Each structure stands twice: as structure tokens, then as C-alpha cells.
Amino acid sequence: MGFDKALAPYILLAAMLILVGPTMAQLSPTFYDTTCPNLSSIVEDVVRQALQTDARAGAKLIRFHFHDCFVNGCDGSVLLEDSVEDNIDSEQNAPGNEGIQGQNIVADIKTAVENVCPNLVSCADILAIASNSAVVLAGGRGWEVQLGRRDSLIANRSGAESNLPSPFEPLANLTVKFANVGLDSTDLVALFGAHTFGRSRCQFFQRRLNDFNGTGMPDPSLDPIYRDVLLEACPEGGDNNRVNLDPTTPDAFDNNYFTNLQGNRGLLTSDQVLFSPAGAATAGDVDRFAASQDVFFDAFGASMIKMGNIRPLTANDGEIRLTCSRINPLPTLADM
């Protein structure tokens, strides 16, 4: 039987689809519309309950989503805890995840979701939805959350150690780390706007108060009056004291983070470099977001969607974890 040259383009196309099909799977905002239509409401209800007793709940959830996506993509790997049995060296052990909190909130959301939609919703998707809920409940504007991720079977502690942005880093380092995951400088500024709520421990900015870069002097980009406030909040031995990332509206999601930067009241080094002389490349975006909350909200939503699309596991890759902190147990003979 001879080869029909007319079929060649179709055979080539079919071969290409077989080769690249799994990597081209697309997330969709309607992924659970049929299988779990009330998913967003279920998640939002639990986040709302958490906020009643913990003003930092929303910031904790966004931090988890952010730190998840920057290591191996948005696959829920940051939620995995140490397990010798499963060969898991948790990403939570990396310096960039030191003191990360909110696992209890994620577990409560997972339980609520499993009660209604068992074995359907990934922990990676729960982080994405919960981040949106956190912003909305704090007065921000939501975005169209893309869904369909699956959960990883592994953690990557070394990746967390090298990929996560540090509160001490200069702008050049931050820009490279964002570029490495496909995010540009506008995404960098917009996503750092999540520091409009939440807290930071004193140990992450104390160097700026008295011994910036080993100079024995305060950070010259730090407003002196704001420095006095921070010195009072962070006395000697108060490394673990927590200070509002936004001193003006600490629990609201708004654009005051950017007006704070304009007044040299960014809490972390990695905050203020976005507007300091060394941060000239990002200063324009800071000015834009400070001038218009709507512009910031639009940019933040777009960047969250973009970040949420970093290397997700889809189709048959990974699994849907039954418990977010560990991979599913292997089936036994009784299960078969």
C-alpha cells in the first residue's frame, strides 16, 4: 500500500499533538462547574470564618500560593510536610518558608470541600481559589481564577532555597527570580502589592534600622519617623515581634502599599527597592498603582492569573491529594 502525500500534513499534525498534548493542557475557570459547582462559595466561607479569629489568614493563604508557584510550578508541593515514608523533605524547611503559617486553614478548606466534592479538587487549586477569596474579603477585587491543577507527588526543598525571593534582596536579584518563572517587572511590582496586608517579623528588617549592609547606619531609604516607630516595635530581643507590612491600612487590600513606598515607608528591603534610586526600572509602576487603585487591582488580577499558570500539573500528571500535607497512600490489596 503506497503513502498518500496528501495526508502528510495531517499525519504530522497528529504526531505533534501526541508529542505536546500533555504540556498544552489549559486551565479553565469552568473546570469544576459540573463536578463541584459551589466550590468557590465553599472555599470563601471557610476563609471568612478564619478571618474572624485571625486577621492574617488572607495574607497566609496568598503567601502559600505564591511560594508554591515559584517552586516546581503551582502544584501544591509547598503544603507537603516531612515524611520519611514518602521520601518528602518539606519545602517548609527552606529559609524562605521559615515560619510560614496557614496549614490549618488549608486543611479546614480541604475538609469542607471533600465533604461536598470528594476526590475532585486539588490542593493546588484550593490555594488559587483561597487567594482570590482572601483579596475579595479584604476589600480588593477578584479575578477569574483558572482551575484544573493537580497535586505533585514530590517536594523540592533545594528549589525553595534557591528560587524564593528574599526580604533582603536587591531589585536585580528579584527581577531575575521573577523572570525565571516567566514574570516581568510589572508582575513583580503588582504581586508585591500583596504586602498591602499581613505582617512581618522584626528579624526580616531589623538590619535596616541600625546596621544596613554592615554600615553601622540606618538604611538611607527609610523614613526617619517610620524608623522610630519600627525601633519601638522591635526592641532588643524582639526578633519575633510582628509588624504590619502596611502601617496605614494593615488588614485591607488596597493600594496604600504603593503610597507607602513613595514615602519611604516600605517595611522590607525588598519592598523599598521597588521605588528607591536602585529601583528606577520599577518606580513607574509604583507611581501608576499609587495613583489609581483600579489600575493596581487590574494589574494584580492579571499577574495572579499569570503566576497561577506557572507549570501546573494537569490531565493525568500528579494526583488529587486527599490530605494536603501528604501524598496519597498506595492502595492495598483490600482497596483493589
Protein backbone atom coordinates (compact mmCIF):
# COMPACT_ATOMS: atom_id res chain seq x y z
CA MET A 1 0.00 0.00 0.00
CA GLY A 2 1.52 3.37 -1.05
CA PHE A 3 1.90 6.54 1.04
CA ASP A 4 -0.60 9.27 0.17
CA LYS A 5 1.42 12.53 0.19
CA ALA A 6 -1.82 14.48 0.61
CA LEU A 7 -2.16 13.01 4.09
CA ALA A 8 1.33 14.05 5.17
CA PRO A 9 0.34 17.38 6.80
CA TYR A 10 -2.40 15.67 8.83
CA ILE A 11 -0.10 12.86 9.95
CA LEU A 12 2.50 15.44 11.01
CA LEU A 13 -0.12 17.42 12.94
CA ALA A 14 -1.36 14.29 14.70
CA ALA A 15 2.19 13.36 15.67
CA MET A 16 2.83 16.84 17.05
CA LEU A 17 -0.35 16.73 19.14
CA ILE A 18 0.65 13.36 20.59
CA LEU A 19 4.08 14.73 21.50
CA VAL A 20 3.00 18.02 23.03
CA GLY A 21 -0.58 17.32 24.11
CA PRO A 22 0.06 16.85 27.86
CA THR A 23 2.08 20.08 28.09
CA MET A 24 -0.56 22.12 26.30
CA ALA A 25 -3.37 21.31 28.71
CA GLN A 26 -5.13 24.53 29.60
CA LEU A 27 -6.53 25.63 32.92
CA SER A 28 -10.10 26.90 32.82
CA PRO A 29 -12.32 28.94 35.15
CA THR A 30 -15.16 26.50 34.44
CA PHE A 31 -13.19 23.33 35.29
CA TYR A 32 -15.41 22.40 38.27
CA ASP A 33 -18.68 23.91 37.05
CA THR A 34 -20.27 20.49 36.58
CA THR A 35 -18.46 18.38 39.17
CA CYS A 36 -18.34 20.89 42.06
CA PRO A 37 -20.43 23.95 41.15
CA ASN A 38 -20.37 25.52 44.65
CA LEU A 39 -16.61 25.22 45.08
CA SER A 40 -15.79 28.94 45.26
CA SER A 41 -18.51 29.56 47.84
CA ILE A 42 -17.32 26.65 49.98
CA VAL A 43 -13.76 27.99 49.99
CA GLU A 44 -14.82 31.58 50.63
CA ASP A 45 -16.98 30.54 53.61
CA VAL A 46 -14.02 28.86 55.32
CA VAL A 47 -11.72 31.81 54.61
CA ARG A 48 -14.34 34.17 56.06
CA GLN A 49 -14.57 32.06 59.21
CA ALA A 50 -10.78 32.03 59.56
CA LEU A 51 -10.63 35.82 59.29
CA GLN A 52 -12.99 36.16 62.25
CA THR A 53 -10.25 34.92 64.59
CA ASP A 54 -7.11 35.59 62.55
CA ALA A 55 -6.69 38.90 60.70
CA ARG A 56 -3.62 37.44 58.96
CA ALA A 57 -5.48 34.47 57.44
CA GLY A 58 -5.77 36.01 53.98
CA ALA A 59 -2.11 37.01 53.82
CA LYS A 60 -1.09 33.50 54.94
CA LEU A 61 -3.07 31.91 52.12
CA ILE A 62 -1.65 34.18 49.41
CA ARG A 63 1.87 33.56 50.69
CA PHE A 64 1.31 29.80 50.37
CA HIS A 65 0.09 30.19 46.78
CA PHE A 66 3.00 32.47 45.87
CA HIS A 67 5.61 30.20 47.46
CA ASP A 68 4.03 27.17 45.82
CA CYS A 69 4.12 28.54 42.29
CA PHE A 70 7.75 29.72 42.47
CA VAL A 71 8.99 26.16 43.17
CA ASN A 72 8.20 23.48 40.57
CA GLY A 73 5.13 25.46 39.47
CA CYS A 74 1.67 25.64 41.06
CA ASP A 75 1.39 22.05 42.20
CA GLY A 76 0.71 22.15 45.95
CA SER A 77 4.24 20.96 46.75
CA VAL A 78 4.73 23.65 49.43
CA LEU A 79 1.99 22.03 51.50
CA LEU A 80 3.76 18.68 51.83
CA GLU A 81 5.23 18.07 55.27
CA ASP A 82 8.26 15.94 56.15
CA SER A 83 7.73 12.23 55.63
CA VAL A 84 10.42 9.55 55.73
CA GLU A 85 7.90 7.04 54.45
CA ASP A 86 7.11 9.12 51.35
CA ASN A 87 10.66 10.49 50.95
CA ILE A 88 9.46 14.08 51.45
CA ASP A 89 11.92 16.75 52.63
CA SER A 90 9.45 19.57 53.03
CA GLU A 91 9.84 22.89 51.23
CA GLN A 92 8.66 24.39 54.50
CA ASN A 93 12.16 23.68 55.86
CA ALA A 94 13.73 26.15 53.40
CA PRO A 95 14.78 29.55 54.81
CA GLY A 96 12.33 31.35 52.51
CA ASN A 97 9.47 29.43 54.12
CA GLU A 98 10.65 29.93 57.69
CA GLY A 99 7.66 30.44 59.93
CA ILE A 100 5.15 30.01 57.10
CA GLN A 101 1.68 29.59 58.57
CA GLY A 102 -1.82 28.76 57.44
CA GLN A 103 -1.65 24.99 57.07
CA ASN A 104 -4.59 24.70 59.46
CA ILE A 105 -6.71 26.99 57.27
CA VAL A 106 -5.86 25.00 54.15
CA ALA A 107 -6.75 21.78 55.99
CA ASP A 108 -10.11 23.23 57.04
CA ILE A 109 -10.85 24.27 53.45
CA LYS A 110 -9.87 20.83 52.16
CA THR A 111 -12.15 19.13 54.69
CA ALA A 112 -15.09 21.35 53.73
CA VAL A 113 -14.50 20.70 50.03
CA GLU A 114 -14.11 16.93 50.49
CA ASN A 115 -17.39 16.79 52.38
CA VAL A 116 -19.23 18.09 49.32
CA CYS A 117 -16.99 17.15 46.39
CA PRO A 118 -14.86 14.15 47.41
CA ASN A 119 -11.70 13.27 45.48
CA LEU A 120 -12.19 16.03 42.94
CA VAL A 121 -10.41 19.26 43.92
CA SER A 122 -6.64 19.58 44.16
CA CYS A 123 -4.85 21.36 46.98
CA ALA A 124 -3.07 23.47 44.35
CA ASP A 125 -6.46 24.72 43.12
CA ILE A 126 -7.59 25.34 46.69
CA LEU A 127 -4.64 27.72 47.17
CA ALA A 128 -5.58 29.59 43.98
CA ILE A 129 -9.24 29.95 44.94
CA ALA A 130 -8.47 30.83 48.57
CA SER A 131 -6.08 33.60 47.46
CA ASN A 132 -8.84 35.17 45.41
CA SER A 133 -11.28 34.88 48.32
CA ALA A 134 -8.73 36.46 50.69
CA VAL A 135 -8.37 39.51 48.45
CA VAL A 136 -12.12 39.95 47.94
CA LEU A 137 -12.90 39.62 51.65
CA ALA A 138 -10.26 42.26 52.44
CA GLY A 139 -11.87 44.77 50.08
CA GLY A 140 -9.96 44.03 46.91
CA ARG A 141 -11.25 42.94 43.51
CA GLY A 142 -11.31 39.32 42.44
CA TRP A 143 -10.16 37.83 39.16
CA GLU A 144 -11.20 34.89 37.01
CA VAL A 145 -9.37 32.05 38.75
CA GLN A 146 -8.07 29.42 36.35
CA LEU A 147 -8.53 25.85 37.57
CA GLY A 148 -7.67 22.26 36.73
CA ARG A 149 -4.33 21.80 38.51
CA ARG A 150 -3.31 18.53 40.09
CA ASP A 151 -1.06 17.94 43.08
CA SER A 152 2.56 16.90 42.97
CA LEU A 153 3.96 13.69 44.42
CA ILE A 154 7.24 15.32 45.42
CA ALA A 155 8.62 18.37 47.21
CA ASN A 156 11.68 20.40 46.21
CA ARG A 157 13.40 21.88 49.23
CA SER A 158 16.53 22.87 47.29
CA GLY A 159 14.34 24.67 44.75
CA ALA A 160 12.63 26.57 47.55
CA GLU A 161 16.05 27.56 48.93
CA SER A 162 17.21 28.99 45.62
CA ASN A 163 14.02 30.25 43.91
CA LEU A 164 12.03 32.07 46.57
CA PRO A 165 12.56 35.85 46.78
CA SER A 166 14.24 37.01 49.98
CA PRO A 167 13.23 40.08 52.03
CA PHE A 168 16.87 41.21 51.90
CA GLU A 169 17.38 41.06 48.13
CA PRO A 170 18.21 43.92 45.77
CA LEU A 171 16.00 44.60 42.79
CA ALA A 172 18.31 42.91 40.29
CA ASN A 173 18.02 39.58 42.12
CA LEU A 174 14.26 39.86 42.45
CA THR A 175 13.90 40.66 38.76
CA VAL A 176 15.90 37.57 37.80
CA LYS A 177 13.89 35.28 40.06
CA PHE A 178 10.63 36.55 38.61
CA ALA A 179 11.95 36.30 35.04
CA ASN A 180 12.98 32.69 35.70
CA VAL A 181 9.31 31.79 36.10
CA GLY A 182 8.07 33.94 33.22
CA LEU A 183 7.04 37.04 35.18
CA ASP A 184 8.17 40.54 34.20
CA SER A 185 8.90 43.66 36.25
CA THR A 186 5.27 44.81 36.21
CA ASP A 187 4.23 41.42 37.60
CA LEU A 188 6.90 41.86 40.26
CA VAL A 189 5.54 45.21 41.41
CA ALA A 190 1.90 44.12 41.20
CA LEU A 191 2.41 40.88 43.13
CA PHE A 192 4.45 42.60 45.82
CA GLY A 193 1.32 44.69 46.29
CA ALA A 194 0.01 41.71 48.29
CA HIS A 195 2.08 43.24 51.09
CA THR A 196 -0.78 45.67 51.48
CA PHE A 197 -1.93 43.29 54.21
CA GLY A 198 -0.22 40.85 56.56
CA ARG A 199 2.70 41.10 58.98
CA SER A 200 6.46 40.52 59.05
CA ARG A 201 8.71 39.52 61.91
CA CYS A 202 11.30 42.07 63.04
CA GLN A 203 14.22 39.79 62.15
CA PHE A 204 13.47 40.33 58.46
CA PHE A 205 14.03 44.09 58.52
CA GLN A 206 15.98 44.94 61.71
CA ARG A 207 19.21 45.39 59.74
CA ARG A 208 17.64 48.42 58.11
CA LEU A 209 17.20 50.17 61.44
CA ASN A 210 20.80 50.40 62.70
CA ASP A 211 23.24 48.44 60.56
CA PHE A 212 22.18 48.48 56.92
CA ASN A 213 24.56 46.43 54.76
CA GLY A 214 27.11 46.43 57.59
CA THR A 215 27.48 50.22 57.59
CA GLY A 216 26.54 50.71 61.24
CA MET A 217 23.97 53.22 59.99
CA PRO A 218 20.23 53.08 59.17
CA ASP A 219 19.07 52.40 55.64
CA PRO A 220 19.12 55.84 53.99
CA SER A 221 15.96 54.99 52.05
CA LEU A 222 13.98 54.52 55.29
CA ASP A 223 11.85 57.43 56.50
CA PRO A 224 13.30 58.55 59.89
CA ILE A 225 9.91 58.90 61.58
CA TYR A 226 8.89 55.45 60.38
CA ARG A 227 12.23 54.11 61.65
CA ASP A 228 11.41 55.40 65.14
CA VAL A 229 8.10 53.53 65.03
CA LEU A 230 9.87 50.34 64.00
CA LEU A 231 12.54 50.70 66.70
CA GLU A 232 9.79 50.83 69.31
CA ALA A 233 8.06 47.79 67.82
CA CYS A 234 11.31 45.83 67.59
CA PRO A 235 13.28 46.28 70.84
CA GLU A 236 16.39 44.24 71.55
CA GLY A 237 15.39 40.59 71.76
CA GLY A 238 12.17 41.21 69.84
CA ASP A 239 13.21 39.41 66.66
CA ASN A 240 9.93 37.51 66.52
CA ASN A 241 7.69 40.51 67.11
CA ARG A 242 5.39 41.13 64.16
CA VAL A 243 4.87 44.46 62.43
CA ASN A 244 2.26 45.45 59.87
CA LEU A 245 3.58 45.36 56.30
CA ASP A 246 1.27 48.30 55.61
CA PRO A 247 1.31 50.78 58.52
CA THR A 248 -1.73 52.67 57.24
CA THR A 249 -4.47 50.09 56.49
CA PRO A 250 -2.86 46.82 57.65
CA ASP A 251 -5.80 44.46 57.09
CA ALA A 252 -7.31 45.99 53.95
CA PHE A 253 -6.43 45.08 50.37
CA ASP A 254 -5.88 48.47 48.75
CA ASN A 255 -3.14 50.45 47.00
CA ASN A 256 -1.69 52.09 50.14
CA TYR A 257 1.33 49.80 49.90
CA PHE A 258 2.48 51.89 46.94
CA THR A 259 1.89 55.26 48.54
CA ASN A 260 3.91 53.95 51.48
CA LEU A 261 6.80 53.20 49.12
CA GLN A 262 6.60 56.72 47.75
CA GLY A 263 7.00 57.99 51.32
CA ASN A 264 9.96 55.65 52.05
CA ARG A 265 7.80 53.55 54.36
CA GLY A 266 8.33 50.17 52.74
CA LEU A 267 8.94 47.68 55.56
CA LEU A 268 11.31 45.21 53.90
CA THR A 269 14.38 45.93 51.81
CA SER A 270 12.70 44.01 49.01
CA ASP A 271 9.72 46.37 49.28
CA GLN A 272 11.52 49.71 49.23
CA VAL A 273 13.90 48.77 46.37
CA LEU A 274 10.88 48.92 44.06
CA PHE A 275 10.94 52.69 44.46
CA SER A 276 14.40 53.58 45.74
CA PRO A 277 17.02 55.02 43.33
CA ALA A 278 18.20 51.48 42.67
CA GLY A 279 14.63 50.63 41.69
CA ALA A 280 14.23 53.11 38.87
CA ALA A 281 13.06 50.37 36.49
CA THR A 282 10.03 49.65 38.68
CA ALA A 283 9.33 53.14 40.04
CA GLY A 284 6.96 53.93 37.17
CA ASP A 285 4.70 51.01 38.05
CA VAL A 286 4.77 52.03 41.72
CA ASP A 287 3.63 55.51 40.69
CA ARG A 288 0.86 54.10 38.45
CA PHE A 289 -0.52 51.83 41.16
CA ALA A 290 -0.26 54.55 43.82
CA ALA A 291 -2.21 56.94 41.61
CA SER A 292 -5.06 54.53 40.84
CA GLN A 293 -6.37 51.66 42.94
CA ASP A 294 -8.35 50.39 39.93
CA VAL A 295 -5.17 50.18 37.85
CA PHE A 296 -3.49 48.23 40.66
CA PHE A 297 -6.43 45.86 41.05
CA ASP A 298 -6.45 45.16 37.30
CA ALA A 299 -2.70 44.52 37.24
CA PHE A 300 -2.78 42.37 40.37
CA GLY A 301 -5.51 40.12 38.99
CA ALA A 302 -3.71 39.73 35.66
CA SER A 303 -0.44 38.88 37.41
CA MET A 304 -2.13 36.37 39.74
CA ILE A 305 -3.57 34.58 36.71
CA LYS A 306 -0.17 34.63 35.05
CA MET A 307 1.54 33.32 38.18
CA GLY A 308 -1.10 30.63 38.61
CA ASN A 309 -0.22 29.29 35.16
CA ILE A 310 3.40 28.53 36.07
CA ARG A 311 3.95 24.87 35.13
CA PRO A 312 0.74 23.37 36.56
CA LEU A 313 0.27 19.62 36.61
CA THR A 314 -2.82 18.70 34.60
CA ALA A 315 -4.56 15.73 32.93
CA ASN A 316 -3.05 12.52 34.37
CA ASP A 317 0.03 14.07 35.96
CA GLY A 318 0.26 14.11 39.74
CA GLU A 319 -2.80 13.29 41.83
CA ILE A 320 -5.71 14.78 43.74
CA ARG A 321 -4.47 14.63 47.32
CA LEU A 322 -6.90 13.51 49.99
CA THR A 323 -4.89 15.40 52.61
CA CYS A 324 -2.95 18.46 51.52
CA SER A 325 0.02 17.83 53.82
CA ARG A 326 0.92 14.40 52.43
CA ILE A 327 0.70 12.37 49.25
CA ASN A 328 -2.00 9.72 48.97
CA PRO A 329 -1.19 6.30 50.42
CA LEU A 330 -0.59 3.49 47.99
CA PRO A 331 -3.62 1.25 47.51
CA THR A 332 -3.63 -2.02 49.43
CA LEU A 333 -4.94 -5.35 48.22
CA ALA A 334 -8.15 -4.63 50.15
CA ASP A 335 -8.66 -1.50 48.07
CA MET A 336 -8.37 -3.34 44.76
